[in-house]
Every structure is written in structure tokens, then in C-alpha cells.
N, C-alpha and C. Protein backbone atom coordinates (compact mmCIF):
# COMPACT_ATOMS: atom_id res chain seq x y z
N MET A 1 14.04 -35.34 7.66
CA MET A 1 13.40 -34.40 6.74
C MET A 1 13.79 -34.81 5.32
N ALA A 2 12.79 -34.92 4.48
CA ALA A 2 13.02 -35.36 3.10
C ALA A 2 13.54 -34.20 2.26
N SER A 3 14.47 -34.49 1.38
CA SER A 3 14.98 -33.46 0.48
C SER A 3 14.32 -33.59 -0.87
N LEU A 4 14.30 -32.50 -1.60
CA LEU A 4 13.70 -32.51 -2.93
C LEU A 4 14.60 -33.29 -3.89
N SER A 5 13.94 -34.04 -4.75
CA SER A 5 14.73 -34.79 -5.74
C SER A 5 15.35 -33.83 -6.74
N THR A 6 16.35 -34.30 -7.45
CA THR A 6 17.01 -33.48 -8.46
C THR A 6 16.01 -33.05 -9.51
N GLN A 7 15.12 -33.93 -9.90
CA GLN A 7 14.13 -33.62 -10.93
C GLN A 7 13.18 -32.50 -10.43
N THR A 8 12.76 -32.59 -9.18
CA THR A 8 11.85 -31.59 -8.63
C THR A 8 12.55 -30.22 -8.53
N ARG A 9 13.81 -30.23 -8.09
CA ARG A 9 14.56 -28.98 -8.04
C ARG A 9 14.71 -28.35 -9.41
N PHE A 10 14.99 -29.20 -10.40
CA PHE A 10 15.13 -28.70 -11.78
C PHE A 10 13.84 -28.08 -12.27
N LEU A 11 12.70 -28.74 -12.01
CA LEU A 11 11.41 -28.21 -12.44
C LEU A 11 11.10 -26.89 -11.75
N LEU A 12 11.39 -26.78 -10.47
CA LEU A 12 11.17 -25.51 -9.75
C LEU A 12 12.03 -24.40 -10.33
N LEU A 13 13.28 -24.70 -10.63
CA LEU A 13 14.17 -23.73 -11.24
C LEU A 13 13.68 -23.31 -12.61
N LEU A 14 13.21 -24.28 -13.39
CA LEU A 14 12.71 -23.99 -14.73
C LEU A 14 11.48 -23.10 -14.68
N VAL A 15 10.54 -23.44 -13.82
CA VAL A 15 9.31 -22.64 -13.68
C VAL A 15 9.67 -21.22 -13.22
N SER A 16 10.57 -21.11 -12.27
CA SER A 16 10.98 -19.81 -11.77
C SER A 16 11.65 -18.98 -12.87
N THR A 17 12.48 -19.60 -13.67
CA THR A 17 13.17 -18.91 -14.78
C THR A 17 12.17 -18.44 -15.82
N ILE A 18 11.22 -19.30 -16.17
CA ILE A 18 10.20 -18.92 -17.16
C ILE A 18 9.37 -17.74 -16.66
N PHE A 19 8.95 -17.80 -15.39
CA PHE A 19 8.16 -16.73 -14.81
C PHE A 19 8.93 -15.41 -14.83
N SER A 20 10.18 -15.46 -14.42
CA SER A 20 11.01 -14.24 -14.42
C SER A 20 11.19 -13.69 -15.82
N SER A 21 11.39 -14.55 -16.79
CA SER A 21 11.55 -14.13 -18.17
C SER A 21 10.28 -13.45 -18.70
N LEU A 22 9.13 -14.01 -18.35
CA LEU A 22 7.87 -13.41 -18.79
C LEU A 22 7.66 -12.05 -18.18
N GLN A 23 8.07 -11.87 -16.92
CA GLN A 23 7.98 -10.56 -16.27
C GLN A 23 8.83 -9.54 -17.00
N LEU A 24 10.02 -9.92 -17.40
CA LEU A 24 10.91 -9.01 -18.12
C LEU A 24 10.38 -8.70 -19.51
N LEU A 25 9.85 -9.71 -20.18
CA LEU A 25 9.34 -9.50 -21.53
C LEU A 25 8.12 -8.61 -21.55
N GLN A 26 7.39 -8.59 -20.47
CA GLN A 26 6.17 -7.78 -20.42
C GLN A 26 6.45 -6.33 -20.79
N CYS A 27 7.61 -5.82 -20.43
CA CYS A 27 7.91 -4.42 -20.70
C CYS A 27 9.02 -4.22 -21.74
N VAL A 28 9.34 -5.23 -22.49
CA VAL A 28 10.33 -5.06 -23.54
C VAL A 28 9.84 -4.01 -24.53
N TYR A 29 8.54 -3.99 -24.76
CA TYR A 29 7.97 -3.06 -25.73
C TYR A 29 7.27 -1.88 -25.05
N CYS A 30 7.54 -1.65 -23.80
CA CYS A 30 6.94 -0.53 -23.08
C CYS A 30 7.66 0.76 -23.49
N THR A 31 6.90 1.84 -23.41
CA THR A 31 7.41 3.15 -23.78
C THR A 31 7.25 4.10 -22.61
N GLU A 32 8.23 4.99 -22.44
CA GLU A 32 8.09 6.05 -21.46
C GLU A 32 7.74 7.33 -22.21
N PHE A 33 6.63 7.95 -21.83
CA PHE A 33 6.18 9.18 -22.42
C PHE A 33 6.45 10.32 -21.45
N GLU A 34 6.97 11.43 -21.96
CA GLU A 34 7.21 12.60 -21.11
C GLU A 34 6.13 13.63 -21.37
N ILE A 35 5.39 13.96 -20.33
CA ILE A 35 4.28 14.89 -20.43
C ILE A 35 4.79 16.28 -20.80
N GLY A 36 4.15 16.86 -21.80
CA GLY A 36 4.48 18.22 -22.20
C GLY A 36 5.81 18.32 -22.91
N GLU A 37 6.48 17.19 -23.06
CA GLU A 37 7.79 17.14 -23.71
C GLU A 37 8.69 18.25 -23.20
N ARG A 38 9.06 19.20 -23.99
CA ARG A 38 10.02 20.23 -23.54
C ARG A 38 9.46 21.14 -22.46
N GLY A 39 8.16 21.42 -22.51
CA GLY A 39 7.59 22.36 -21.53
C GLY A 39 7.31 21.75 -20.17
N GLY A 40 7.30 20.43 -20.08
CA GLY A 40 7.02 19.76 -18.82
C GLY A 40 5.57 19.89 -18.41
N TRP A 41 5.29 19.50 -17.19
CA TRP A 41 3.95 19.53 -16.61
C TRP A 41 3.77 20.90 -15.97
N ALA A 42 3.04 21.79 -16.65
CA ALA A 42 2.87 23.17 -16.20
C ALA A 42 1.52 23.68 -16.71
N VAL A 43 1.11 24.83 -16.20
CA VAL A 43 -0.13 25.45 -16.70
C VAL A 43 0.09 25.73 -18.19
N PRO A 44 -0.83 25.31 -19.05
CA PRO A 44 -0.68 25.53 -20.48
C PRO A 44 -0.67 27.01 -20.83
N PRO A 45 0.11 27.39 -21.83
CA PRO A 45 0.12 28.79 -22.25
C PRO A 45 -1.26 29.22 -22.71
N GLY A 46 -1.65 30.42 -22.36
CA GLY A 46 -2.95 30.94 -22.76
C GLY A 46 -4.12 30.16 -22.16
N ASN A 47 -3.83 29.44 -21.06
CA ASN A 47 -4.87 28.63 -20.42
C ASN A 47 -5.58 27.71 -21.40
N ASP A 48 -4.82 27.10 -22.27
CA ASP A 48 -5.34 26.14 -23.26
C ASP A 48 -5.80 24.88 -22.52
N THR A 49 -7.07 24.83 -22.16
CA THR A 49 -7.59 23.76 -21.32
C THR A 49 -7.61 22.39 -22.01
N HIS A 50 -7.34 22.35 -23.31
CA HIS A 50 -7.35 21.06 -24.03
C HIS A 50 -5.97 20.57 -24.40
N MET A 51 -4.92 21.33 -24.10
CA MET A 51 -3.58 21.01 -24.55
C MET A 51 -3.12 19.59 -24.17
N TYR A 52 -3.25 19.23 -22.91
CA TYR A 52 -2.76 17.92 -22.47
C TYR A 52 -3.61 16.78 -23.01
N ASN A 53 -4.93 16.97 -23.09
CA ASN A 53 -5.77 15.92 -23.65
C ASN A 53 -5.53 15.74 -25.15
N GLU A 54 -5.25 16.83 -25.84
CA GLU A 54 -4.90 16.72 -27.27
C GLU A 54 -3.58 15.96 -27.43
N TRP A 55 -2.62 16.26 -26.56
CA TRP A 55 -1.34 15.56 -26.60
C TRP A 55 -1.57 14.06 -26.36
N ALA A 56 -2.33 13.73 -25.32
CA ALA A 56 -2.58 12.32 -24.98
C ALA A 56 -3.33 11.59 -26.07
N SER A 57 -4.25 12.30 -26.77
CA SER A 57 -5.04 11.64 -27.82
C SER A 57 -4.18 11.26 -29.02
N ARG A 58 -3.02 11.88 -29.19
CA ARG A 58 -2.14 11.56 -30.31
C ARG A 58 -1.18 10.41 -29.98
N LYS A 59 -1.21 9.93 -28.74
CA LYS A 59 -0.33 8.85 -28.30
C LYS A 59 -1.10 7.52 -28.25
N ARG A 60 -0.39 6.44 -28.39
CA ARG A 60 -0.97 5.09 -28.26
C ARG A 60 -0.37 4.45 -27.02
N PHE A 61 -1.08 4.58 -25.93
CA PHE A 61 -0.61 4.01 -24.66
C PHE A 61 -1.04 2.57 -24.53
N LYS A 62 -0.18 1.77 -23.88
CA LYS A 62 -0.54 0.38 -23.60
C LYS A 62 -0.14 0.03 -22.17
N VAL A 63 -0.72 -1.04 -21.65
CA VAL A 63 -0.41 -1.48 -20.31
C VAL A 63 1.09 -1.72 -20.19
N GLY A 64 1.68 -1.16 -19.15
CA GLY A 64 3.12 -1.30 -18.91
C GLY A 64 3.90 -0.05 -19.28
N ASP A 65 3.31 0.83 -20.12
CA ASP A 65 3.97 2.09 -20.45
C ASP A 65 4.06 2.94 -19.19
N THR A 66 4.97 3.91 -19.23
CA THR A 66 5.09 4.84 -18.11
C THR A 66 4.96 6.27 -18.63
N ILE A 67 4.52 7.14 -17.73
CA ILE A 67 4.41 8.56 -18.04
C ILE A 67 5.29 9.29 -17.05
N ARG A 68 6.14 10.19 -17.57
CA ARG A 68 7.02 10.99 -16.71
C ARG A 68 6.48 12.44 -16.68
N PHE A 69 6.28 12.91 -15.47
CA PHE A 69 5.87 14.30 -15.26
C PHE A 69 7.06 15.03 -14.69
N LYS A 70 7.56 16.06 -15.40
CA LYS A 70 8.65 16.91 -14.89
C LYS A 70 8.04 18.27 -14.60
N TYR A 71 8.31 18.82 -13.42
CA TYR A 71 7.69 20.07 -13.02
C TYR A 71 8.49 20.72 -11.89
N LYS A 72 8.22 22.01 -11.72
CA LYS A 72 8.84 22.78 -10.62
C LYS A 72 7.70 23.42 -9.81
N LYS A 73 7.83 23.38 -8.51
CA LYS A 73 6.85 24.01 -7.61
C LYS A 73 5.42 23.63 -7.97
N ASP A 74 5.16 22.35 -8.12
CA ASP A 74 3.86 21.85 -8.53
C ASP A 74 3.72 20.44 -8.00
N SER A 75 2.72 19.73 -8.49
CA SER A 75 2.51 18.34 -8.13
C SER A 75 1.66 17.68 -9.19
N VAL A 76 1.57 16.36 -9.10
CA VAL A 76 0.69 15.61 -9.99
C VAL A 76 -0.14 14.67 -9.13
N MET A 77 -1.41 14.57 -9.48
CA MET A 77 -2.32 13.70 -8.74
C MET A 77 -3.08 12.82 -9.72
N LYS A 78 -3.25 11.58 -9.36
CA LYS A 78 -4.15 10.69 -10.11
C LYS A 78 -5.45 10.71 -9.31
N VAL A 79 -6.55 11.00 -9.98
CA VAL A 79 -7.84 11.14 -9.30
C VAL A 79 -8.91 10.35 -10.06
N ASN A 80 -10.11 10.27 -9.50
CA ASN A 80 -11.19 9.61 -10.21
C ASN A 80 -11.85 10.60 -11.17
N LYS A 81 -12.77 10.10 -11.98
CA LYS A 81 -13.39 10.92 -13.04
C LYS A 81 -14.13 12.14 -12.44
N LYS A 82 -14.88 11.93 -11.37
CA LYS A 82 -15.64 13.01 -10.76
C LYS A 82 -14.69 14.13 -10.27
N ASP A 83 -13.63 13.74 -9.57
CA ASP A 83 -12.69 14.75 -9.08
C ASP A 83 -11.94 15.42 -10.23
N TYR A 84 -11.68 14.68 -11.29
CA TYR A 84 -11.07 15.28 -12.50
C TYR A 84 -11.99 16.38 -13.04
N ASN A 85 -13.25 16.04 -13.25
CA ASN A 85 -14.21 17.00 -13.82
C ASN A 85 -14.40 18.22 -12.95
N GLU A 86 -14.28 18.05 -11.63
CA GLU A 86 -14.50 19.16 -10.69
C GLU A 86 -13.18 19.83 -10.25
N CYS A 87 -12.04 19.34 -10.78
CA CYS A 87 -10.72 19.83 -10.33
C CYS A 87 -10.60 19.75 -8.81
N ASN A 88 -11.05 18.65 -8.25
CA ASN A 88 -11.02 18.43 -6.81
C ASN A 88 -9.72 17.70 -6.44
N SER A 89 -8.88 18.36 -5.67
CA SER A 89 -7.59 17.76 -5.31
C SER A 89 -7.56 17.26 -3.87
N THR A 90 -8.73 17.11 -3.24
CA THR A 90 -8.74 16.70 -1.83
C THR A 90 -8.71 15.20 -1.60
N ARG A 91 -8.95 14.38 -2.64
CA ARG A 91 -8.98 12.94 -2.47
C ARG A 91 -8.18 12.21 -3.55
N PRO A 92 -6.90 12.50 -3.71
CA PRO A 92 -6.15 11.84 -4.78
C PRO A 92 -5.96 10.36 -4.50
N GLU A 93 -5.97 9.57 -5.58
CA GLU A 93 -5.60 8.16 -5.48
C GLU A 93 -4.07 8.03 -5.42
N PHE A 94 -3.40 9.01 -5.96
CA PHE A 94 -1.93 9.05 -5.98
C PHE A 94 -1.51 10.51 -5.96
N PHE A 95 -0.44 10.83 -5.26
CA PHE A 95 0.06 12.20 -5.18
C PHE A 95 1.58 12.17 -5.18
N SER A 96 2.18 13.08 -5.93
CA SER A 96 3.63 13.25 -5.89
C SER A 96 3.97 14.72 -6.15
N ASN A 97 4.98 15.19 -5.45
CA ASN A 97 5.46 16.56 -5.69
C ASN A 97 6.99 16.59 -5.73
N ASN A 98 7.59 15.52 -6.20
CA ASN A 98 9.06 15.43 -6.21
C ASN A 98 9.71 16.08 -7.45
N GLY A 99 8.89 16.57 -8.38
CA GLY A 99 9.44 17.25 -9.55
C GLY A 99 9.77 16.36 -10.72
N ASN A 100 9.77 15.06 -10.50
CA ASN A 100 10.11 14.10 -11.56
C ASN A 100 9.36 12.80 -11.25
N THR A 101 8.08 12.79 -11.54
CA THR A 101 7.20 11.68 -11.16
C THR A 101 7.01 10.74 -12.33
N ILE A 102 7.14 9.44 -12.07
CA ILE A 102 6.89 8.43 -13.10
C ILE A 102 5.70 7.59 -12.65
N VAL A 103 4.70 7.48 -13.52
CA VAL A 103 3.51 6.70 -13.25
C VAL A 103 3.44 5.57 -14.26
N THR A 104 3.24 4.34 -13.76
CA THR A 104 3.11 3.17 -14.63
C THR A 104 1.63 2.99 -14.95
N LEU A 105 1.32 2.83 -16.23
CA LEU A 105 -0.06 2.58 -16.67
C LEU A 105 -0.26 1.08 -16.54
N ASP A 106 -0.88 0.65 -15.45
CA ASP A 106 -0.91 -0.76 -15.11
C ASP A 106 -2.20 -1.51 -15.44
N HIS A 107 -3.13 -0.84 -16.08
CA HIS A 107 -4.38 -1.52 -16.49
C HIS A 107 -5.02 -0.75 -17.64
N SER A 108 -5.90 -1.42 -18.35
CA SER A 108 -6.62 -0.71 -19.42
C SER A 108 -7.70 0.16 -18.79
N GLY A 109 -8.18 1.12 -19.55
CA GLY A 109 -9.18 2.02 -19.04
C GLY A 109 -8.70 3.46 -19.03
N PHE A 110 -9.18 4.24 -18.10
CA PHE A 110 -8.88 5.65 -18.03
C PHE A 110 -8.02 6.00 -16.81
N PHE A 111 -7.10 6.92 -17.01
CA PHE A 111 -6.28 7.48 -15.95
C PHE A 111 -6.53 8.99 -15.98
N TYR A 112 -6.90 9.55 -14.84
CA TYR A 112 -7.22 10.98 -14.73
C TYR A 112 -6.13 11.67 -13.88
N PHE A 113 -5.48 12.66 -14.46
CA PHE A 113 -4.41 13.37 -13.78
C PHE A 113 -4.74 14.85 -13.67
N ILE A 114 -4.43 15.45 -12.53
CA ILE A 114 -4.59 16.88 -12.34
C ILE A 114 -3.38 17.42 -11.58
N SER A 115 -3.18 18.73 -11.69
CA SER A 115 -2.18 19.39 -10.86
C SER A 115 -2.80 19.61 -9.47
N GLY A 116 -1.98 19.48 -8.45
CA GLY A 116 -2.44 19.75 -7.10
C GLY A 116 -2.23 21.18 -6.66
N ALA A 117 -1.56 21.97 -7.51
CA ALA A 117 -1.33 23.38 -7.17
C ALA A 117 -2.62 24.16 -7.33
N THR A 118 -2.90 25.02 -6.40
CA THR A 118 -4.15 25.80 -6.39
C THR A 118 -4.38 26.53 -7.71
N GLY A 119 -5.52 26.26 -8.34
CA GLY A 119 -5.92 26.95 -9.55
C GLY A 119 -5.37 26.39 -10.85
N HIS A 120 -4.36 25.54 -10.79
CA HIS A 120 -3.73 25.04 -12.02
C HIS A 120 -4.65 24.15 -12.82
N CYS A 121 -5.38 23.27 -12.17
CA CYS A 121 -6.30 22.37 -12.89
C CYS A 121 -7.34 23.19 -13.66
N ASP A 122 -7.91 24.20 -13.01
CA ASP A 122 -8.91 25.05 -13.67
C ASP A 122 -8.34 25.78 -14.88
N LYS A 123 -7.02 25.97 -14.90
CA LYS A 123 -6.36 26.65 -16.02
C LYS A 123 -5.91 25.66 -17.09
N GLY A 124 -6.28 24.40 -16.96
CA GLY A 124 -5.99 23.42 -18.01
C GLY A 124 -4.88 22.43 -17.71
N GLN A 125 -4.33 22.46 -16.52
CA GLN A 125 -3.27 21.51 -16.19
C GLN A 125 -3.91 20.22 -15.66
N ARG A 126 -4.48 19.48 -16.59
CA ARG A 126 -5.11 18.20 -16.29
C ARG A 126 -5.16 17.38 -17.58
N MET A 127 -5.28 16.05 -17.41
CA MET A 127 -5.19 15.20 -18.59
C MET A 127 -5.85 13.86 -18.33
N ILE A 128 -6.47 13.32 -19.39
CA ILE A 128 -7.02 11.98 -19.36
C ILE A 128 -6.18 11.11 -20.29
N VAL A 129 -5.71 9.99 -19.77
CA VAL A 129 -4.96 9.02 -20.57
C VAL A 129 -5.85 7.79 -20.72
N THR A 130 -6.01 7.33 -21.97
CA THR A 130 -6.88 6.19 -22.24
C THR A 130 -6.08 5.02 -22.78
N LEU A 131 -6.31 3.87 -22.19
CA LEU A 131 -5.70 2.61 -22.68
C LEU A 131 -6.83 1.70 -23.10
N ALA A 132 -6.69 1.11 -24.29
CA ALA A 132 -7.72 0.20 -24.79
C ALA A 132 -7.71 -1.09 -24.02
């Protein structure tokens, strides 16, 4: 069985190191955003159905950023646009109810989030995050 030459091993190590470094650098400038900041992910006061979208519109999200949802006795779902508009929680693309959910924004475009708790989405606990 032939062994790899020293030069070939060095090149493989170099390529591997460069690839690993690029993966780390990808998120050097990533930001973690906490939804609702102090209030967490909850039904907005006064059923303010625009609260979360207004919050998201003031942020500049980029690929690699993360969003943290903190909540009690609730859940967060990533859904498609149609289910977002209809507050339909029966077909989530992603679901979590652990009380401290982190979602990575892994592509440009739109991310649609709703609460999975009955009636919460209709009361304004939903949000669209846009990445250019």
C-alpha cells in the first residue's frame, strides 16, 4: 500500500486548516439577537399585533446571525408565509418549546415565526425576519 508523500500530507493539512479557519471566520461578525429583549417571546401587551415586526424592522440581520427566543409555557415555530398569514401551527418547518430557543439565520430571504400556543399568534405573537 502506497503512503502519501510528505508534500501531499502537508497540502492536505493546509487545505484542511484553511477550510476550518474560513468556517470560524464566517461567524466572527455574527450577532445574537434576543427577541422581545427584556419581555421575551410572549403575547404583546394590548395585543399589539405589529410589535415584533416593528422590532425586527429596526434590526439589520445577516446570514449567520442567531435569534434567541426566551419564553415560559409557550413555543416558537418557523413556518411558511401562508401559515404565518393564517396563524396555522399545524405544519411547522421547525418547532421548539424548551423555553430558550436559538435559531440560526442560515440564508437570505424571509423567516416567518409564530407562537404555537393556542390563540397567541392571533394576538400578535408572530414575526417576520428579513435578510437581504
